[in-house]
């Protein structure tokens, strides 16, 4: 009880000596509460824009894992023009995707061989080496033909947002094997062939165009990935210039071998607008 009395006495003494400060504090408290009440919704909105809450990832692509059915969508160009949209029985790309290719230009450094029409299908079954995950993958291939082509899909997006596109892929080619997925292939058959290439890459057209040769397509690095899946093919960050962008998968086979196969699986389009890329810091020895 004596302690409380001493505390109260000290407070009264301080209050008398600092009446101006005390009055200012008493007046400021209601104003401060009113200011917080007015600015609180604004602060919450700014916080959510700068640090958005994690949300469930909604796939932007249709059938990105190629686990659905097939379609008949085609688009191609020849030396006489294009685009053309003829359907072919041997071309059945994954549902939601369109097969594209260039037909007619020479390849292998000679006019004797030209880029030809491919075959496209969804593969499944016993050859699990051609499937990255799930039960199906996409196959783009030619027989005794070189090629340039792949798959494309137009996607609805947010204008001004940044996106990256990736897919897993690998190539397999041989000039003599009749058993392309069963080592050791054929007797005395050298596979892979060091003078042939099949470059794989992915790209994004931020304007939503469908011409893979157009100047607006931004391509990722061309890679040679042979025989098995490795690291994913990826683009850099691309800013959407409208409400639609187009993603491309591309295979460029240099020589008309007996088997020229490309396999793709697990395509992903990501909105990376709010993702922060930090430099890697390593501890020096």
C-alpha atoms as a PDB file:
ATOM      1  CA  UNK A   1       0.000   0.000   0.000  1.00  0.00           C
ATOM      2  CA  UNK A   2       2.827   2.359   0.830  1.00  0.00           C
ATOM      3  CA  UNK A   3       4.441   1.527  -2.513  1.00  0.00           C
ATOM      4  CA  UNK A   4       1.299   2.513  -4.401  1.00  0.00           C
ATOM      5  CA  UNK A   5       1.081   5.778  -2.539  1.00  0.00           C
ATOM      6  CA  UNK A   6       4.699   6.617  -3.398  1.00  0.00           C
ATOM      7  CA  UNK A   7       4.058   5.809  -7.086  1.00  0.00           C
ATOM      8  CA  UNK A   8       0.944   8.000  -7.106  1.00  0.00           C
ATOM      9  CA  UNK A   9       2.799  10.857  -5.485  1.00  0.00           C
ATOM     10  CA  UNK A  10       5.582  10.658  -8.073  1.00  0.00           C
ATOM     11  CA  UNK A  11       3.035  10.676 -10.889  1.00  0.00           C
ATOM     12  CA  UNK A  12       1.264  13.784  -9.522  1.00  0.00           C
ATOM     13  CA  UNK A  13       4.582  15.554  -9.177  1.00  0.00           C
ATOM     14  CA  UNK A  14       5.525  14.670 -12.769  1.00  0.00           C
ATOM     15  CA  UNK A  15       2.102  15.719 -14.053  1.00  0.00           C
ATOM     16  CA  UNK A  16       2.343  19.143 -12.387  1.00  0.00           C
ATOM     17  CA  UNK A  17       5.842  19.703 -13.729  1.00  0.00           C
ATOM     18  CA  UNK A  18       4.922  18.542 -17.267  1.00  0.00           C
ATOM     19  CA  UNK A  19       1.366  19.745 -17.736  1.00  0.00           C
ATOM     20  CA  UNK A  20       2.007  20.862 -21.332  1.00  0.00           C
ATOM     21  CA  UNK A  21       3.451  17.509 -22.374  1.00  0.00           C
ATOM     22  CA  UNK A  22       0.677  15.591 -20.638  1.00  0.00           C
ATOM     23  CA  UNK A  23      -2.008  17.706 -22.295  1.00  0.00           C
ATOM     24  CA  UNK A  24      -0.388  17.155 -25.710  1.00  0.00           C
ATOM     25  CA  UNK A  25      -0.304  13.385 -25.165  1.00  0.00           C
ATOM     26  CA  UNK A  26      -3.953  13.302 -24.084  1.00  0.00           C
ATOM     27  CA  UNK A  27      -5.006  15.344 -27.101  1.00  0.00           C
ATOM     28  CA  UNK A  28      -2.841  13.316 -29.554  1.00  0.00           C
ATOM     29  CA  UNK A  29      -4.122   9.899 -28.571  1.00  0.00           C
ATOM     30  CA  UNK A  30      -7.632  10.323 -30.071  1.00  0.00           C
ATOM     31  CA  UNK A  31      -6.145  11.890 -33.222  1.00  0.00           C
ATOM     32  CA  UNK A  32      -3.664   9.056 -33.557  1.00  0.00           C
ATOM     33  CA  UNK A  33      -6.432   6.481 -33.180  1.00  0.00           C
ATOM     34  CA  UNK A  34      -8.497   8.262 -35.847  1.00  0.00           C
ATOM     35  CA  UNK A  35      -5.488   8.389 -38.212  1.00  0.00           C
ATOM     36  CA  UNK A  36      -4.792   4.677 -37.777  1.00  0.00           C
ATOM     37  CA  UNK A  37      -8.453   3.877 -38.424  1.00  0.00           C
ATOM     38  CA  UNK A  38      -8.442   5.903 -41.660  1.00  0.00           C
ATOM     39  CA  UNK A  39      -5.115   4.628 -43.008  1.00  0.00           C
ATOM     40  CA  UNK A  40      -5.394   0.989 -41.963  1.00  0.00           C
ATOM     41  CA  UNK A  41      -7.268  -0.203 -45.133  1.00  0.00           C
ATOM     42  CA  UNK A  42      -4.766   1.642 -47.345  1.00  0.00           C
ATOM     43  CA  UNK A  43      -1.845   0.037 -45.552  1.00  0.00           C
ATOM     44  CA  UNK A  44      -3.371  -3.424 -45.877  1.00  0.00           C
ATOM     45  CA  UNK A  45      -3.941  -2.935 -49.612  1.00  0.00           C
ATOM     46  CA  UNK A  46      -0.351  -1.779 -50.181  1.00  0.00           C
ATOM     47  CA  UNK A  47       0.992  -4.703 -48.156  1.00  0.00           C
ATOM     48  CA  UNK A  48      -0.990  -7.203 -50.220  1.00  0.00           C
ATOM     49  CA  UNK A  49       0.330  -5.701 -53.462  1.00  0.00           C
ATOM     50  CA  UNK A  50       3.960  -5.761 -52.362  1.00  0.00           C
ATOM     51  CA  UNK A  51       3.724  -9.089 -50.498  1.00  0.00           C
ATOM     52  CA  UNK A  52       0.862 -11.027 -52.094  1.00  0.00           C
ATOM     53  CA  UNK A  53      -0.464 -13.973 -50.151  1.00  0.00           C
ATOM     54  CA  UNK A  54       0.345 -17.430 -51.582  1.00  0.00           C
ATOM     55  CA  UNK A  55      -2.509 -18.744 -53.677  1.00  0.00           C
ATOM     56  CA  UNK A  56      -3.307 -22.112 -55.140  1.00  0.00           C
ATOM     57  CA  UNK A  57      -1.442 -22.579 -58.423  1.00  0.00           C
ATOM     58  CA  UNK A  58      -3.898 -22.696 -61.310  1.00  0.00           C
ATOM     59  CA  UNK A  59      -2.398 -24.246 -64.485  1.00  0.00           C
ATOM     60  CA  UNK A  60      -2.281 -21.672 -67.259  1.00  0.00           C
ATOM     61  CA  UNK A  61      -1.782 -24.239 -70.009  1.00  0.00           C
ATOM     62  CA  UNK A  62      -4.365 -26.684 -71.314  1.00  0.00           C
ATOM     63  CA  UNK A  63      -3.091 -30.252 -70.950  1.00  0.00           C
ATOM     64  CA  UNK A  64       0.438 -29.241 -70.007  1.00  0.00           C
ATOM     65  CA  UNK A  65       1.281 -32.760 -68.889  1.00  0.00           C
ATOM     66  CA  UNK A  66      -0.043 -34.340 -72.136  1.00  0.00           C
ATOM     67  CA  UNK A  67      -2.210 -36.699 -70.088  1.00  0.00           C
ATOM     68  CA  UNK A  68      -5.371 -35.840 -72.037  1.00  0.00           C
ATOM     69  CA  UNK A  69      -6.494 -36.953 -75.467  1.00  0.00           C
ATOM     70  CA  UNK A  70      -5.396 -35.812 -78.909  1.00  0.00           C
ATOM     71  CA  UNK A  71      -6.443 -33.137 -81.388  1.00  0.00           C
ATOM     72  CA  UNK A  72      -6.101 -32.513 -85.124  1.00  0.00           C
ATOM     73  CA  UNK A  73      -4.767 -28.980 -84.930  1.00  0.00           C
ATOM     74  CA  UNK A  74      -2.064 -28.133 -87.490  1.00  0.00           C
ATOM     75  CA  UNK A  75      -0.397 -25.033 -88.865  1.00  0.00           C
ATOM     76  CA  UNK A  76       2.488 -25.079 -91.335  1.00  0.00           C
ATOM     77  CA  UNK A  77       4.373 -23.066 -93.913  1.00  0.00           C
ATOM     78  CA  UNK A  78       5.940 -24.070 -97.243  1.00  0.00           C
ATOM     79  CA  UNK A  79       8.215 -22.374 -99.774  1.00  0.00           C
ATOM     80  CA  UNK A  80       5.104 -21.132-101.546  1.00  0.00           C
ATOM     81  CA  UNK A  81       3.449 -19.528 -98.537  1.00  0.00           C
ATOM     82  CA  UNK A  82       1.287 -20.187 -95.527  1.00  0.00           C
ATOM     83  CA  UNK A  83       0.010 -20.607 -92.978  1.00  0.00           C
ATOM     84  CA  UNK A  84      -1.920 -23.708 -94.015  1.00  0.00           C
ATOM     85  CA  UNK A  85      -4.192 -25.752 -91.768  1.00  0.00           C
ATOM     86  CA  UNK A  86      -4.632 -29.091 -93.561  1.00  0.00           C
ATOM     87  CA  UNK A  87      -5.322 -32.096 -91.344  1.00  0.00           C
ATOM     88  CA  UNK A  88      -3.227 -35.229 -91.798  1.00  0.00           C
ATOM     89  CA  UNK A  89      -3.969 -38.648 -90.364  1.00  0.00           C
ATOM     90  CA  UNK A  90      -0.435 -39.115 -89.045  1.00  0.00           C
ATOM     91  CA  UNK A  91      -0.524 -35.828 -87.122  1.00  0.00           C
ATOM     92  CA  UNK A  92      -2.448 -36.009 -83.823  1.00  0.00           C
ATOM     93  CA  UNK A  93      -0.932 -33.554 -81.320  1.00  0.00           C
ATOM     94  CA  UNK A  94      -1.950 -33.564 -77.648  1.00  0.00           C
ATOM     95  CA  UNK A  95      -5.334 -32.082 -76.803  1.00  0.00           C
ATOM     96  CA  UNK A  96      -5.096 -28.300 -76.464  1.00  0.00           C
ATOM     97  CA  UNK A  97      -1.961 -28.060 -78.630  1.00  0.00           C
ATOM     98  CA  UNK A  98      -1.337 -27.369 -82.322  1.00  0.00           C
ATOM     99  CA  UNK A  99       1.396 -29.062 -84.348  1.00  0.00           C
ATOM    100  CA  UNK A 100       3.479 -26.668 -86.454  1.00  0.00           C
ATOM    101  CA  UNK A 101       6.284 -27.177 -88.963  1.00  0.00           C
ATOM    102  CA  UNK A 102       8.204 -25.638 -91.863  1.00  0.00           C
ATOM    103  CA  UNK A 103       8.130 -27.624 -95.109  1.00  0.00           C
ATOM    104  CA  UNK A 104      10.488 -27.285 -98.072  1.00  0.00           C
ATOM    105  CA  UNK A 105      13.718 -25.465 -97.098  1.00  0.00           C
ATOM    106  CA  UNK A 106      16.943 -27.441 -97.604  1.00  0.00           C
ATOM    107  CA  UNK A 107      18.778 -29.051 -94.717  1.00  0.00           C
ATOM    108  CA  UNK A 108      22.056 -30.905 -94.140  1.00  0.00           C
ATOM    109  CA  UNK A 109      23.845 -28.204 -96.114  1.00  0.00           C
ATOM    110  CA  UNK A 110      22.530 -29.524 -99.454  1.00  0.00           C
ATOM    111  CA  UNK A 111      19.509 -28.991-101.687  1.00  0.00           C
ATOM    112  CA  UNK A 112      19.174 -32.765-102.063  1.00  0.00           C
ATOM    113  CA  UNK A 113      17.395 -33.006 -98.699  1.00  0.00           C
ATOM    114  CA  UNK A 114      14.573 -30.739 -97.567  1.00  0.00           C
ATOM    115  CA  UNK A 115      12.566 -30.255 -94.399  1.00  0.00           C
ATOM    116  CA  UNK A 116       9.515 -32.484 -94.512  1.00  0.00           C
ATOM    117  CA  UNK A 117       6.159 -32.962 -92.886  1.00  0.00           C
ATOM    118  CA  UNK A 118       6.475 -34.678 -89.492  1.00  0.00           C
ATOM    119  CA  UNK A 119       4.392 -37.186 -87.624  1.00  0.00           C
ATOM    120  CA  UNK A 120       3.020 -36.189 -84.224  1.00  0.00           C
ATOM    121  CA  UNK A 121       1.371 -38.351 -81.605  1.00  0.00           C
ATOM    122  CA  UNK A 122       0.883 -38.978 -77.892  1.00  0.00           C
ATOM    123  CA  UNK A 123       2.965 -41.906 -76.660  1.00  0.00           C
ATOM    124  CA  UNK A 124       2.344 -44.171 -73.691  1.00  0.00           C
ATOM    125  CA  UNK A 125       2.764 -47.805 -72.763  1.00  0.00           C
ATOM    126  CA  UNK A 126       5.900 -49.827 -72.130  1.00  0.00           C
ATOM    127  CA  UNK A 127       8.525 -47.296 -73.204  1.00  0.00           C
ATOM    128  CA  UNK A 128       8.659 -45.360 -69.934  1.00  0.00           C
ATOM    129  CA  UNK A 129      12.021 -43.792 -70.848  1.00  0.00           C
ATOM    130  CA  UNK A 130      10.136 -41.447 -73.187  1.00  0.00           C
ATOM    131  CA  UNK A 131       7.769 -40.280 -70.435  1.00  0.00           C
ATOM    132  CA  UNK A 132       9.009 -37.774 -67.873  1.00  0.00           C
ATOM    133  CA  UNK A 133       6.039 -38.137 -65.499  1.00  0.00           C
ATOM    134  CA  UNK A 134       2.535 -39.514 -65.604  1.00  0.00           C
ATOM    135  CA  UNK A 135       1.555 -42.002 -68.286  1.00  0.00           C
ATOM    136  CA  UNK A 136       1.912 -40.037 -71.546  1.00  0.00           C
ATOM    137  CA  UNK A 137       4.234 -37.716 -73.463  1.00  0.00           C
ATOM    138  CA  UNK A 138       4.269 -36.023 -76.876  1.00  0.00           C
ATOM    139  CA  UNK A 139       6.361 -37.340 -79.774  1.00  0.00           C
ATOM    140  CA  UNK A 140       7.368 -35.272 -82.817  1.00  0.00           C
ATOM    141  CA  UNK A 141       9.317 -37.251 -85.429  1.00  0.00           C
ATOM    142  CA  UNK A 142      10.263 -37.817 -89.061  1.00  0.00           C
ATOM    143  CA  UNK A 143      11.377 -40.869 -91.059  1.00  0.00           C
ATOM    144  CA  UNK A 144      14.249 -40.267 -93.494  1.00  0.00           C
ATOM    145  CA  UNK A 145      13.512 -36.523 -93.266  1.00  0.00           C
ATOM    146  CA  UNK A 146      15.058 -33.604 -91.461  1.00  0.00           C
ATOM    147  CA  UNK A 147      12.604 -31.220 -89.852  1.00  0.00           C
ATOM    148  CA  UNK A 148      11.857 -27.973 -88.064  1.00  0.00           C
ATOM    149  CA  UNK A 149       8.653 -27.885 -86.086  1.00  0.00           C
ATOM    150  CA  UNK A 150       6.966 -28.623 -82.798  1.00  0.00           C
ATOM    151  CA  UNK A 151       3.931 -27.601 -80.789  1.00  0.00           C
ATOM    152  CA  UNK A 152       2.249 -24.312 -79.913  1.00  0.00           C
ATOM    153  CA  UNK A 153      -0.564 -23.089 -77.688  1.00  0.00           C
ATOM    154  CA  UNK A 154      -2.177 -19.679 -77.264  1.00  0.00           C
ATOM    155  CA  UNK A 155      -2.836 -18.785 -73.628  1.00  0.00           C
ATOM    156  CA  UNK A 156      -5.022 -16.152 -71.956  1.00  0.00           C
ATOM    157  CA  UNK A 157      -2.889 -14.065 -69.557  1.00  0.00           C
ATOM    158  CA  UNK A 158      -2.741 -10.755 -67.702  1.00  0.00           C
ATOM    159  CA  UNK A 159      -1.425  -7.941 -69.867  1.00  0.00           C
ATOM    160  CA  UNK A 160       1.810  -6.509 -68.478  1.00  0.00           C
ATOM    161  CA  UNK A 161       2.594  -9.577 -66.347  1.00  0.00           C
ATOM    162  CA  UNK A 162       5.840 -11.506 -66.757  1.00  0.00           C
ATOM    163  CA  UNK A 163       5.875 -15.188 -67.702  1.00  0.00           C
ATOM    164  CA  UNK A 164       8.326 -18.047 -68.175  1.00  0.00           C
ATOM    165  CA  UNK A 165       7.713 -21.235 -70.143  1.00  0.00           C
ATOM    166  CA  UNK A 166       9.439 -24.582 -69.650  1.00  0.00           C
ATOM    167  CA  UNK A 167       9.175 -28.183 -70.821  1.00  0.00           C
ATOM    168  CA  UNK A 168      11.192 -31.374 -70.520  1.00  0.00           C
ATOM    169  CA  UNK A 169      12.452 -32.820 -73.771  1.00  0.00           C
ATOM    170  CA  UNK A 170      15.028 -35.039 -75.421  1.00  0.00           C
ATOM    171  CA  UNK A 171      15.905 -36.288 -78.894  1.00  0.00           C
ATOM    172  CA  UNK A 172      16.811 -39.700 -80.268  1.00  0.00           C
ATOM    173  CA  UNK A 173      18.071 -40.337 -83.802  1.00  0.00           C
ATOM    174  CA  UNK A 174      19.724 -43.142 -85.728  1.00  0.00           C
ATOM    175  CA  UNK A 175      20.430 -43.978 -89.366  1.00  0.00           C
ATOM    176  CA  UNK A 176      20.122 -47.734 -89.060  1.00  0.00           C
ATOM    177  CA  UNK A 177      18.123 -48.892 -86.059  1.00  0.00           C
ATOM    178  CA  UNK A 178      14.829 -50.693 -86.458  1.00  0.00           C
ATOM    179  CA  UNK A 179      14.418 -50.926 -82.671  1.00  0.00           C
ATOM    180  CA  UNK A 180      14.710 -47.296 -81.561  1.00  0.00           C
ATOM    181  CA  UNK A 181      13.985 -47.920 -77.866  1.00  0.00           C
ATOM    182  CA  UNK A 182      15.773 -51.215 -77.255  1.00  0.00           C
ATOM    183  CA  UNK A 183      19.585 -51.059 -76.865  1.00  0.00           C
ATOM    184  CA  UNK A 184      21.958 -52.033 -78.416  1.00  0.00           C
ATOM    185  CA  UNK A 185      19.896 -50.980 -81.435  1.00  0.00           C
ATOM    186  CA  UNK A 186      21.356 -52.733 -84.507  1.00  0.00           C
ATOM    187  CA  UNK A 187      24.602 -54.612 -85.018  1.00  0.00           C
ATOM    188  CA  UNK A 188      27.478 -52.186 -85.693  1.00  0.00           C
ATOM    189  CA  UNK A 189      25.126 -49.217 -85.447  1.00  0.00           C
ATOM    190  CA  UNK A 190      26.768 -46.176 -83.900  1.00  0.00           C
ATOM    191  CA  UNK A 191      24.288 -44.110 -81.899  1.00  0.00           C
ATOM    192  CA  UNK A 192      24.355 -41.211 -81.292  1.00  0.00           C
ATOM    193  CA  UNK A 193      25.862 -39.833 -84.487  1.00  0.00           C
ATOM    194  CA  UNK A 194      28.346 -37.053 -83.828  1.00  0.00           C
ATOM    195  CA  UNK A 195      27.745 -35.273 -87.154  1.00  0.00           C
ATOM    196  CA  UNK A 196      23.958 -34.966 -86.740  1.00  0.00           C
ATOM    197  CA  UNK A 197      22.098 -32.648 -84.386  1.00  0.00           C
ATOM    198  CA  UNK A 198      18.584 -32.195 -83.099  1.00  0.00           C
ATOM    199  CA  UNK A 199      18.347 -28.876 -81.266  1.00  0.00           C
ATOM    200  CA  UNK A 200      15.426 -28.390 -78.882  1.00  0.00           C
ATOM    201  CA  UNK A 201      14.148 -25.058 -77.571  1.00  0.00           C
ATOM    202  CA  UNK A 202      11.094 -23.205 -76.277  1.00  0.00           C
ATOM    203  CA  UNK A 203       9.820 -19.700 -76.918  1.00  0.00           C
ATOM    204  CA  UNK A 204       7.111 -17.166 -76.133  1.00  0.00           C
ATOM    205  CA  UNK A 205       5.436 -14.672 -78.441  1.00  0.00           C
ATOM    206  CA  UNK A 206       4.283 -11.898 -76.051  1.00  0.00           C
ATOM    207  CA  UNK A 207       1.901 -10.545 -78.717  1.00  0.00           C
ATOM    208  CA  UNK A 208       0.005 -13.819 -79.094  1.00  0.00           C
ATOM    209  CA  UNK A 209       1.168 -14.422 -82.670  1.00  0.00           C
ATOM    210  CA  UNK A 210       1.224 -17.918 -84.179  1.00  0.00           C
ATOM    211  CA  UNK A 211       4.204 -17.610 -86.551  1.00  0.00           C
ATOM    212  CA  UNK A 212       7.221 -19.387 -85.002  1.00  0.00           C
ATOM    213  CA  UNK A 213       9.530 -17.609 -87.439  1.00  0.00           C
ATOM    214  CA  UNK A 214       8.141 -14.181 -86.558  1.00  0.00           C
ATOM    215  CA  UNK A 215      10.400 -11.489 -85.047  1.00  0.00           C
ATOM    216  CA  UNK A 216       8.236 -11.152 -81.941  1.00  0.00           C
ATOM    217  CA  UNK A 217       8.984 -14.677 -80.681  1.00  0.00           C
ATOM    218  CA  UNK A 218      11.507 -14.708 -77.830  1.00  0.00           C
ATOM    219  CA  UNK A 219      13.344 -18.030 -77.809  1.00  0.00           C
ATOM    220  CA  UNK A 220      15.233 -19.704 -75.017  1.00  0.00           C
ATOM    221  CA  UNK A 221      18.586 -21.383 -75.484  1.00  0.00           C
ATOM    222  CA  UNK A 222      18.822 -24.171 -78.088  1.00  0.00           C
ATOM    223  CA  UNK A 223      20.018 -27.398 -76.476  1.00  0.00           C
ATOM    224  CA  UNK A 224      21.091 -30.857 -77.543  1.00  0.00           C
ATOM    225  CA  UNK A 225      19.588 -33.368 -75.103  1.00  0.00           C
ATOM    226  CA  UNK A 226      20.057 -36.917 -76.332  1.00  0.00           C
ATOM    227  CA  UNK A 227      18.461 -40.178 -75.276  1.00  0.00           C
ATOM    228  CA  UNK A 228      17.092 -39.285 -71.825  1.00  0.00           C
ATOM    229  CA  UNK A 229      15.376 -36.370 -70.135  1.00  0.00           C
ATOM    230  CA  UNK A 230      17.679 -33.877 -68.440  1.00  0.00           C
ATOM    231  CA  UNK A 231      17.132 -30.336 -67.267  1.00  0.00           C
ATOM    232  CA  UNK A 232      14.038 -28.542 -68.523  1.00  0.00           C
ATOM    233  CA  UNK A 233      14.134 -26.304 -71.577  1.00  0.00           C
ATOM    234  CA  UNK A 234      13.254 -22.785 -70.424  1.00  0.00           C
ATOM    235  CA  UNK A 235      12.664 -19.246 -71.606  1.00  0.00           C
ATOM    236  CA  UNK A 236      13.599 -16.083 -69.760  1.00  0.00           C
ATOM    237  CA  UNK A 237      11.022 -13.712 -68.264  1.00  0.00           C
ATOM    238  CA  UNK A 238       8.788 -12.314 -71.007  1.00  0.00           C
ATOM    239  CA  UNK A 239       6.280  -9.507 -70.500  1.00  0.00           C
ATOM    240  CA  UNK A 240       2.843 -10.055 -72.040  1.00  0.00           C
ATOM    241  CA  UNK A 241       1.928  -7.263 -74.462  1.00  0.00           C
ATOM    242  CA  UNK A 242      -1.746  -8.169 -74.503  1.00  0.00           C
ATOM    243  CA  UNK A 243      -4.257 -10.568 -73.026  1.00  0.00           C
ATOM    244  CA  UNK A 244      -2.914 -13.511 -75.082  1.00  0.00           C
ATOM    245  CA  UNK A 245       0.560 -14.968 -75.478  1.00  0.00           C
ATOM    246  CA  UNK A 246       1.721 -18.003 -77.463  1.00  0.00           C
ATOM    247  CA  UNK A 247       4.137 -20.653 -76.221  1.00  0.00           C
ATOM    248  CA  UNK A 248       6.227 -22.670 -78.689  1.00  0.00           C
ATOM    249  CA  UNK A 249       8.109 -25.964 -78.479  1.00  0.00           C
ATOM    250  CA  UNK A 250      10.675 -26.469 -81.260  1.00  0.00           C
ATOM    251  CA  UNK A 251      12.729 -29.349 -82.662  1.00  0.00           C
ATOM    252  CA  UNK A 252      15.402 -28.717 -85.341  1.00  0.00           C
ATOM    253  CA  UNK A 253      16.789 -31.924 -86.849  1.00  0.00           C
ATOM    254  CA  UNK A 254      19.775 -31.342 -89.112  1.00  0.00           C
ATOM    255  CA  UNK A 255      19.902 -34.627 -91.094  1.00  0.00           C
ATOM    256  CA  UNK A 256      17.342 -36.944 -92.733  1.00  0.00           C
ATOM    257  CA  UNK A 257      18.129 -40.090 -90.767  1.00  0.00           C
ATOM    258  CA  UNK A 258      16.011 -43.220 -90.531  1.00  0.00           C
ATOM    259  CA  UNK A 259      14.786 -42.234 -87.071  1.00  0.00           C
ATOM    260  CA  UNK A 260      14.619 -38.585 -85.996  1.00  0.00           C
ATOM    261  CA  UNK A 261      12.509 -38.476 -82.828  1.00  0.00           C
ATOM    262  CA  UNK A 262      11.823 -35.754 -80.269  1.00  0.00           C
ATOM    263  CA  UNK A 263       9.917 -36.294 -77.026  1.00  0.00           C
ATOM    264  CA  UNK A 264       8.344 -33.675 -74.765  1.00  0.00           C
ATOM    265  CA  UNK A 265       6.552 -33.777 -71.425  1.00  0.00           C
ATOM    266  CA  UNK A 266       5.467 -31.621 -68.473  1.00  0.00           C
ATOM    267  CA  UNK A 267       5.046 -28.172 -70.031  1.00  0.00           C
ATOM    268  CA  UNK A 268       4.562 -25.357 -67.500  1.00  0.00           C
ATOM    269  CA  UNK A 269       3.767 -21.651 -67.959  1.00  0.00           C
ATOM    270  CA  UNK A 270       4.443 -19.571 -64.840  1.00  0.00           C
ATOM    271  CA  UNK A 271       3.415 -16.048 -63.884  1.00  0.00           C
ATOM    272  CA  UNK A 272       6.603 -14.671 -62.317  1.00  0.00           C
ATOM    273  CA  UNK A 273       5.513 -11.036 -62.042  1.00  0.00           C
ATOM    274  CA  UNK A 274       5.845 -10.896 -58.262  1.00  0.00           C
ATOM    275  CA  UNK A 275       8.682 -13.372 -57.900  1.00  0.00           C
ATOM    276  CA  UNK A 276      11.907 -11.894 -56.532  1.00  0.00           C
ATOM    277  CA  UNK A 277      15.111 -13.254 -58.050  1.00  0.00           C
ATOM    278  CA  UNK A 278      17.970 -12.939 -55.552  1.00  0.00           C
ATOM    279  CA  UNK A 279      21.640 -13.483 -56.434  1.00  0.00           C
ATOM    280  CA  UNK A 280      23.258 -16.615 -55.062  1.00  0.00           C
ATOM    281  CA  UNK A 281      25.692 -15.862 -52.236  1.00  0.00           C
ATOM    282  CA  UNK A 282      28.384 -18.400 -51.448  1.00  0.00           C
ATOM    283  CA  UNK A 283      30.667 -18.471 -48.446  1.00  0.00           C
ATOM    284  CA  UNK A 284      34.289 -17.879 -49.360  1.00  0.00           C
ATOM    285  CA  UNK A 285      36.787 -20.415 -48.108  1.00  0.00           C
END
